[in-house]
Amino acid sequence: MISGSYLMLIIVTLIIGMGATGYVNSQLSKYSRRGVSNGLTGAEAARQMLAYYGISNVAVQCGGKGQDFFDPRTNSITLSPEAYHGSSITATATACHEVGHACQYAEGYEPMKIRGSLVPVVNFASNAWMFLLLIGIAMQLMQLQTLAIIMYACVVLFQVVTLPVEFNASRRAMTYMDTIALPQEEQKGAFSVLRACALTYVAAALTSILQLLWLLGQQRD
């Protein structure tokens, strides 16, 4: 039997997630149809931004659909086909955001280093916490339930630490676009895209925090 409090948690998290996803998709779609006046593809914009900041050892490559990320392990930027080949506002904003992460890595940005140090722990905890929690509940082992919640708290911490990393990368992207005098209307569109994408991280962190608070409340009860 699902408790009333957990049902409410599910409803709230669904509303947050669906709202964030809907807004992101609408902004990405809107500005993917609007081209940038300089005609640069996302890949070209990324390479020019890297050169502007004197970063020459980062590869920019084309990945699969939805693959837009910077990988510090290989010091490379992967862009989806739409962002890599496209010359839209969305493509430019996406590419410059990922270069923002490359800039963070190049200068040893502290929140990124903290986030990186949490990755091995989170990779394990994100897969194991629920398994341990269920065993703890089934066997009525409070110590195991507590351990599961601690592991989940590590996952939540990772998501919280991710926020300043993402916000800073977007801020770097916007600063660069202003520096190269991208038209104001295009900058506003890029900001809308980046703000929408940031909202997904905020939504994920918020729902995880709510879940953690619910777990802590259940343990006290």
C-alpha atoms as a PDB file:
ATOM      1  CA  MET A   1       0.000   0.000   0.000  1.00  0.00           C
ATOM      2  CA  ILE A   2       1.441   3.355  -1.033  1.00  0.00           C
ATOM      3  CA  SER A   3       1.223   5.926   1.775  1.00  0.00           C
ATOM      4  CA  GLY A   4      -0.470   9.262   1.186  1.00  0.00           C
ATOM      5  CA  SER A   5       2.787  11.166   1.737  1.00  0.00           C
ATOM      6  CA  TYR A   6       4.652   9.073  -0.821  1.00  0.00           C
ATOM      7  CA  LEU A   7       1.835   9.429  -3.336  1.00  0.00           C
ATOM      8  CA  MET A   8       2.015  13.192  -2.882  1.00  0.00           C
ATOM      9  CA  LEU A   9       5.794  13.033  -3.388  1.00  0.00           C
ATOM     10  CA  ILE A  10       5.317  11.119  -6.644  1.00  0.00           C
ATOM     11  CA  ILE A  11       2.754  13.645  -7.901  1.00  0.00           C
ATOM     12  CA  VAL A  12       4.934  16.659  -7.016  1.00  0.00           C
ATOM     13  CA  THR A  13       8.060  15.191  -8.611  1.00  0.00           C
ATOM     14  CA  LEU A  14       6.123  14.250 -11.750  1.00  0.00           C
ATOM     15  CA  ILE A  15       4.785  17.799 -12.050  1.00  0.00           C
ATOM     16  CA  ILE A  16       8.276  19.268 -11.589  1.00  0.00           C
ATOM     17  CA  GLY A  17       9.846  16.863 -14.070  1.00  0.00           C
ATOM     18  CA  MET A  18       7.171  17.187 -16.735  1.00  0.00           C
ATOM     19  CA  GLY A  19       7.086  20.960 -16.392  1.00  0.00           C
ATOM     20  CA  ALA A  20      10.853  21.268 -16.771  1.00  0.00           C
ATOM     21  CA  THR A  21      10.958  18.848 -19.705  1.00  0.00           C
ATOM     22  CA  GLY A  22       8.137  20.604 -21.513  1.00  0.00           C
ATOM     23  CA  TYR A  23       9.732  24.009 -21.110  1.00  0.00           C
ATOM     24  CA  VAL A  24      13.149  22.780 -22.247  1.00  0.00           C
ATOM     25  CA  ASN A  25      11.742  21.090 -25.335  1.00  0.00           C
ATOM     26  CA  SER A  26       9.778  24.195 -26.300  1.00  0.00           C
ATOM     27  CA  GLN A  27      12.836  26.458 -26.039  1.00  0.00           C
ATOM     28  CA  LEU A  28      15.156  24.071 -27.861  1.00  0.00           C
ATOM     29  CA  SER A  29      12.640  23.623 -30.642  1.00  0.00           C
ATOM     30  CA  LYS A  30      11.934  27.349 -30.928  1.00  0.00           C
ATOM     31  CA  TYR A  31      15.557  28.415 -31.247  1.00  0.00           C
ATOM     32  CA  SER A  32      16.676  25.438 -33.321  1.00  0.00           C
ATOM     33  CA  ARG A  33      14.641  27.031 -36.125  1.00  0.00           C
ATOM     34  CA  ARG A  34      16.387  30.385 -35.819  1.00  0.00           C
ATOM     35  CA  GLY A  35      19.798  30.714 -37.420  1.00  0.00           C
ATOM     36  CA  VAL A  36      22.737  32.768 -36.162  1.00  0.00           C
ATOM     37  CA  SER A  37      23.795  35.753 -38.236  1.00  0.00           C
ATOM     38  CA  ASN A  38      27.465  34.685 -38.404  1.00  0.00           C
ATOM     39  CA  GLY A  39      26.449  31.410 -40.092  1.00  0.00           C
ATOM     40  CA  LEU A  40      28.770  29.300 -37.923  1.00  0.00           C
ATOM     41  CA  THR A  41      27.904  25.721 -37.121  1.00  0.00           C
ATOM     42  CA  GLY A  42      28.052  24.614 -33.509  1.00  0.00           C
ATOM     43  CA  ALA A  43      31.360  22.850 -34.157  1.00  0.00           C
ATOM     44  CA  GLU A  44      32.865  25.993 -35.682  1.00  0.00           C
ATOM     45  CA  ALA A  45      31.572  28.147 -32.827  1.00  0.00           C
ATOM     46  CA  ALA A  46      33.078  25.729 -30.301  1.00  0.00           C
ATOM     47  CA  ARG A  47      36.480  25.743 -31.990  1.00  0.00           C
ATOM     48  CA  GLN A  48      36.501  29.533 -32.259  1.00  0.00           C
ATOM     49  CA  MET A  49      35.623  29.900 -28.568  1.00  0.00           C
ATOM     50  CA  LEU A  50      38.371  27.454 -27.602  1.00  0.00           C
ATOM     51  CA  ALA A  51      40.864  29.433 -29.701  1.00  0.00           C
ATOM     52  CA  TYR A  52      39.652  32.705 -28.172  1.00  0.00           C
ATOM     53  CA  TYR A  53      40.516  31.423 -24.691  1.00  0.00           C
ATOM     54  CA  GLY A  54      43.810  29.899 -25.840  1.00  0.00           C
ATOM     55  CA  ILE A  55      42.755  26.269 -25.405  1.00  0.00           C
ATOM     56  CA  SER A  56      44.264  24.158 -28.161  1.00  0.00           C
ATOM     57  CA  ASN A  57      44.214  20.578 -26.852  1.00  0.00           C
ATOM     58  CA  VAL A  58      40.451  19.934 -26.838  1.00  0.00           C
ATOM     59  CA  ALA A  59      38.935  17.881 -29.650  1.00  0.00           C
ATOM     60  CA  VAL A  60      35.438  18.728 -30.891  1.00  0.00           C
ATOM     61  CA  GLN A  61      33.668  15.677 -32.278  1.00  0.00           C
ATOM     62  CA  CYS A  62      30.229  14.643 -33.480  1.00  0.00           C
ATOM     63  CA  GLY A  63      28.327  12.147 -31.340  1.00  0.00           C
ATOM     64  CA  GLY A  64      24.882  10.628 -31.397  1.00  0.00           C
ATOM     65  CA  LYS A  65      21.498  12.248 -30.970  1.00  0.00           C
ATOM     66  CA  GLY A  66      21.219  14.052 -27.647  1.00  0.00           C
ATOM     67  CA  GLN A  67      24.930  13.650 -26.893  1.00  0.00           C
ATOM     68  CA  ASP A  68      26.210  17.072 -25.878  1.00  0.00           C
ATOM     69  CA  PHE A  69      28.906  16.917 -23.228  1.00  0.00           C
ATOM     70  CA  PHE A  70      32.478  17.661 -22.233  1.00  0.00           C
ATOM     71  CA  ASP A  71      34.507  14.641 -21.113  1.00  0.00           C
ATOM     72  CA  PRO A  72      37.420  15.570 -18.806  1.00  0.00           C
ATOM     73  CA  ARG A  73      38.846  12.045 -19.111  1.00  0.00           C
ATOM     74  CA  THR A  74      39.618  12.580 -22.795  1.00  0.00           C
ATOM     75  CA  ASN A  75      39.554  16.392 -22.683  1.00  0.00           C
ATOM     76  CA  SER A  76      37.094  16.411 -25.567  1.00  0.00           C
ATOM     77  CA  ILE A  77      33.752  17.945 -26.488  1.00  0.00           C
ATOM     78  CA  THR A  78      31.046  15.808 -28.074  1.00  0.00           C
ATOM     79  CA  LEU A  79      28.129  17.490 -29.821  1.00  0.00           C
ATOM     80  CA  SER A  80      24.958  15.951 -31.175  1.00  0.00           C
ATOM     81  CA  PRO A  81      24.578  16.034 -34.982  1.00  0.00           C
ATOM     82  CA  GLU A  82      22.093  18.915 -34.629  1.00  0.00           C
ATOM     83  CA  ALA A  83      24.523  20.988 -32.577  1.00  0.00           C
ATOM     84  CA  TYR A  84      27.650  19.935 -34.484  1.00  0.00           C
ATOM     85  CA  HIS A  85      26.371  20.609 -37.999  1.00  0.00           C
ATOM     86  CA  GLY A  86      23.600  23.107 -37.233  1.00  0.00           C
ATOM     87  CA  SER A  87      23.957  26.873 -37.366  1.00  0.00           C
ATOM     88  CA  SER A  88      20.993  27.702 -35.160  1.00  0.00           C
ATOM     89  CA  ILE A  89      20.884  29.672 -31.914  1.00  0.00           C
ATOM     90  CA  THR A  90      20.354  26.395 -30.062  1.00  0.00           C
ATOM     91  CA  ALA A  91      23.436  24.867 -31.698  1.00  0.00           C
ATOM     92  CA  THR A  92      25.604  27.870 -30.832  1.00  0.00           C
ATOM     93  CA  ALA A  93      24.366  28.046 -27.243  1.00  0.00           C
ATOM     94  CA  THR A  94      24.892  24.304 -26.745  1.00  0.00           C
ATOM     95  CA  ALA A  95      28.385  24.332 -28.233  1.00  0.00           C
ATOM     96  CA  CYS A  96      29.527  27.367 -26.257  1.00  0.00           C
ATOM     97  CA  HIS A  97      28.143  25.881 -23.046  1.00  0.00           C
ATOM     98  CA  GLU A  98      30.244  22.741 -23.523  1.00  0.00           C
ATOM     99  CA  VAL A  99      33.294  24.889 -24.234  1.00  0.00           C
ATOM    100  CA  GLY A 100      32.517  26.587 -20.922  1.00  0.00           C
ATOM    101  CA  HIS A 101      33.100  23.204 -19.257  1.00  0.00           C
ATOM    102  CA  ALA A 102      36.379  22.828 -21.161  1.00  0.00           C
ATOM    103  CA  CYS A 103      37.448  26.244 -19.834  1.00  0.00           C
ATOM    104  CA  GLN A 104      36.571  25.151 -16.300  1.00  0.00           C
ATOM    105  CA  TYR A 105      38.702  22.057 -16.681  1.00  0.00           C
ATOM    106  CA  ALA A 106      41.616  24.009 -18.152  1.00  0.00           C
ATOM    107  CA  GLU A 107      41.728  26.422 -15.227  1.00  0.00           C
ATOM    108  CA  GLY A 108      40.983  23.878 -12.494  1.00  0.00           C
ATOM    109  CA  TYR A 109      37.582  25.264 -11.541  1.00  0.00           C
ATOM    110  CA  GLU A 110      37.048  24.030  -7.974  1.00  0.00           C
ATOM    111  CA  PRO A 111      33.356  22.957  -8.134  1.00  0.00           C
ATOM    112  CA  MET A 112      34.169  20.868 -11.218  1.00  0.00           C
ATOM    113  CA  LYS A 113      37.015  19.178  -9.339  1.00  0.00           C
ATOM    114  CA  ILE A 114      34.719  18.438  -6.400  1.00  0.00           C
ATOM    115  CA  ARG A 115      32.079  17.079  -8.765  1.00  0.00           C
ATOM    116  CA  GLY A 116      34.675  14.877 -10.480  1.00  0.00           C
ATOM    117  CA  SER A 117      35.856  13.458  -7.162  1.00  0.00           C
ATOM    118  CA  LEU A 118      32.290  12.387  -6.364  1.00  0.00           C
ATOM    119  CA  VAL A 119      31.767  10.493  -9.624  1.00  0.00           C
ATOM    120  CA  PRO A 120      33.125   7.061  -8.485  1.00  0.00           C
ATOM    121  CA  VAL A 121      31.077   7.193  -5.274  1.00  0.00           C
ATOM    122  CA  VAL A 122      27.922   8.284  -7.085  1.00  0.00           C
ATOM    123  CA  ASN A 123      28.302   5.646  -9.803  1.00  0.00           C
ATOM    124  CA  PHE A 124      28.202   2.991  -7.102  1.00  0.00           C
ATOM    125  CA  ALA A 125      25.675   4.623  -4.773  1.00  0.00           C
ATOM    126  CA  SER A 126      23.120   5.462  -7.473  1.00  0.00           C
ATOM    127  CA  ASN A 127      22.815   1.758  -8.337  1.00  0.00           C
ATOM    128  CA  ALA A 128      23.100   0.296  -4.851  1.00  0.00           C
ATOM    129  CA  TRP A 129      21.119   2.535  -2.479  1.00  0.00           C
ATOM    130  CA  MET A 130      17.640   1.339  -3.447  1.00  0.00           C
ATOM    131  CA  PHE A 131      18.726  -2.324  -3.321  1.00  0.00           C
ATOM    132  CA  LEU A 132      20.123  -1.856   0.195  1.00  0.00           C
ATOM    133  CA  LEU A 133      17.049   0.083   1.302  1.00  0.00           C
ATOM    134  CA  LEU A 134      14.666  -2.657   0.188  1.00  0.00           C
ATOM    135  CA  ILE A 135      16.747  -5.339   1.912  1.00  0.00           C
ATOM    136  CA  GLY A 136      16.894  -3.204   5.050  1.00  0.00           C
ATOM    137  CA  ILE A 137      13.115  -2.759   5.075  1.00  0.00           C
ATOM    138  CA  ALA A 138      12.435  -6.439   4.356  1.00  0.00           C
ATOM    139  CA  MET A 139      14.798  -7.614   7.105  1.00  0.00           C
ATOM    140  CA  GLN A 140      13.994  -4.699   9.433  1.00  0.00           C
ATOM    141  CA  LEU A 141      17.662  -3.713   9.653  1.00  0.00           C
ATOM    142  CA  MET A 142      17.804  -0.027  10.545  1.00  0.00           C
ATOM    143  CA  GLN A 143      21.575   0.104  10.037  1.00  0.00           C
ATOM    144  CA  LEU A 144      21.179  -1.036   6.435  1.00  0.00           C
ATOM    145  CA  GLN A 145      18.384   1.475   5.829  1.00  0.00           C
ATOM    146  CA  THR A 146      20.575   4.245   7.254  1.00  0.00           C
ATOM    147  CA  LEU A 147      23.458   3.212   5.018  1.00  0.00           C
ATOM    148  CA  ALA A 148      21.144   3.294   1.998  1.00  0.00           C
ATOM    149  CA  ILE A 149      19.977   6.804   2.873  1.00  0.00           C
ATOM    150  CA  ILE A 150      23.575   7.976   3.314  1.00  0.00           C
ATOM    151  CA  MET A 151      24.399   6.599  -0.118  1.00  0.00           C
ATOM    152  CA  TYR A 152      21.393   8.357  -1.607  1.00  0.00           C
ATOM    153  CA  ALA A 153      22.496  11.574   0.126  1.00  0.00           C
ATOM    154  CA  CYS A 154      25.768  11.284  -1.812  1.00  0.00           C
ATOM    155  CA  VAL A 155      23.763  11.165  -5.045  1.00  0.00           C
ATOM    156  CA  VAL A 156      21.835  14.269  -3.965  1.00  0.00           C
ATOM    157  CA  LEU A 157      25.074  16.057  -3.064  1.00  0.00           C
ATOM    158  CA  PHE A 158      26.422  15.317  -6.523  1.00  0.00           C
ATOM    159  CA  GLN A 159      23.345  16.849  -8.125  1.00  0.00           C
ATOM    160  CA  VAL A 160      23.611  19.943  -5.923  1.00  0.00           C
ATOM    161  CA  VAL A 161      27.310  20.392  -6.723  1.00  0.00           C
ATOM    162  CA  THR A 162      26.455  20.027 -10.416  1.00  0.00           C
ATOM    163  CA  LEU A 163      24.341  23.204 -10.308  1.00  0.00           C
ATOM    164  CA  PRO A 164      27.169  25.774  -9.960  1.00  0.00           C
ATOM    165  CA  VAL A 165      29.194  23.865 -12.564  1.00  0.00           C
ATOM    166  CA  GLU A 166      26.360  24.110 -15.089  1.00  0.00           C
ATOM    167  CA  PHE A 167      25.459  27.700 -14.239  1.00  0.00           C
ATOM    168  CA  ASN A 168      29.081  28.782 -14.558  1.00  0.00           C
ATOM    169  CA  ALA A 169      29.503  27.076 -17.930  1.00  0.00           C
ATOM    170  CA  SER A 170      26.424  28.900 -19.229  1.00  0.00           C
ATOM    171  CA  ARG A 171      27.719  32.197 -17.839  1.00  0.00           C
ATOM    172  CA  ARG A 172      31.010  31.680 -19.659  1.00  0.00           C
ATOM    173  CA  ALA A 173      29.099  30.939 -22.867  1.00  0.00           C
ATOM    174  CA  MET A 174      27.056  34.125 -22.559  1.00  0.00           C
ATOM    175  CA  THR A 175      30.149  36.208 -21.773  1.00  0.00           C
ATOM    176  CA  TYR A 176      31.860  34.902 -24.886  1.00  0.00           C
ATOM    177  CA  MET A 177      28.841  35.537 -27.107  1.00  0.00           C
ATOM    178  CA  ASP A 178      28.706  39.099 -25.812  1.00  0.00           C
ATOM    179  CA  THR A 179      32.445  39.525 -26.376  1.00  0.00           C
ATOM    180  CA  ILE A 180      32.171  38.555 -30.046  1.00  0.00           C
ATOM    181  CA  ALA A 181      29.222  40.951 -30.398  1.00  0.00           C
ATOM    182  CA  LEU A 182      26.602  38.385 -31.297  1.00  0.00           C
ATOM    183  CA  PRO A 183      23.403  40.390 -31.962  1.00  0.00           C
ATOM    184  CA  GLN A 184      21.376  41.063 -28.814  1.00  0.00           C
ATOM    185  CA  GLU A 185      18.334  39.222 -30.122  1.00  0.00           C
ATOM    186  CA  GLU A 186      20.435  36.111 -30.691  1.00  0.00           C
ATOM    187  CA  GLN A 187      22.034  36.454 -27.277  1.00  0.00           C
ATOM    188  CA  LYS A 188      18.579  36.584 -25.710  1.00  0.00           C
ATOM    189  CA  GLY A 189      17.639  33.413 -27.565  1.00  0.00           C
ATOM    190  CA  ALA A 190      20.839  31.690 -26.433  1.00  0.00           C
ATOM    191  CA  PHE A 191      20.149  32.744 -22.856  1.00  0.00           C
ATOM    192  CA  SER A 192      16.635  31.290 -23.089  1.00  0.00           C
ATOM    193  CA  VAL A 193      18.064  27.985 -24.293  1.00  0.00           C
ATOM    194  CA  LEU A 194      20.703  27.837 -21.559  1.00  0.00           C
ATOM    195  CA  ARG A 195      18.248  28.877 -18.855  1.00  0.00           C
ATOM    196  CA  ALA A 196      15.840  26.154 -19.953  1.00  0.00           C
ATOM    197  CA  CYS A 197      18.576  23.511 -19.895  1.00  0.00           C
ATOM    198  CA  ALA A 198      19.712  24.684 -16.447  1.00  0.00           C
ATOM    199  CA  LEU A 199      16.146  24.218 -15.256  1.00  0.00           C
ATOM    200  CA  THR A 200      16.437  20.467 -15.848  1.00  0.00           C
ATOM    201  CA  TYR A 201      19.354  20.292 -13.386  1.00  0.00           C
ATOM    202  CA  VAL A 202      17.435  22.383 -10.862  1.00  0.00           C
ATOM    203  CA  ALA A 203      14.390  20.138 -11.243  1.00  0.00           C
ATOM    204  CA  ALA A 204      16.486  16.987 -10.819  1.00  0.00           C
ATOM    205  CA  ALA A 205      18.183  18.361  -7.701  1.00  0.00           C
ATOM    206  CA  LEU A 206      14.876  19.534  -6.229  1.00  0.00           C
ATOM    207  CA  THR A 207      13.117  16.216  -6.734  1.00  0.00           C
ATOM    208  CA  SER A 208      16.087  14.350  -5.252  1.00  0.00           C
ATOM    209  CA  ILE A 209      16.125  16.632  -2.202  1.00  0.00           C
ATOM    210  CA  LEU A 210      12.395  16.055  -1.690  1.00  0.00           C
ATOM    211  CA  GLN A 211      12.951  12.304  -1.943  1.00  0.00           C
ATOM    212  CA  LEU A 212      15.785  12.474   0.592  1.00  0.00           C
ATOM    213  CA  LEU A 213      13.683  14.530   3.019  1.00  0.00           C
ATOM    214  CA  TRP A 214      10.881  11.979   2.708  1.00  0.00           C
ATOM    215  CA  LEU A 215      13.275   9.113   3.419  1.00  0.00           C
ATOM    216  CA  LEU A 216      14.658  10.909   6.469  1.00  0.00           C
ATOM    217  CA  GLY A 217      11.123  11.568   7.687  1.00  0.00           C
ATOM    218  CA  GLN A 218      10.187   7.903   7.299  1.00  0.00           C
ATOM    219  CA  GLN A 219      13.252   6.811   9.229  1.00  0.00           C
ATOM    220  CA  ARG A 220      12.352   9.091  12.154  1.00  0.00           C
ATOM    221  CA  ASP A 221       8.831   7.655  12.169  1.00  0.00           C
END
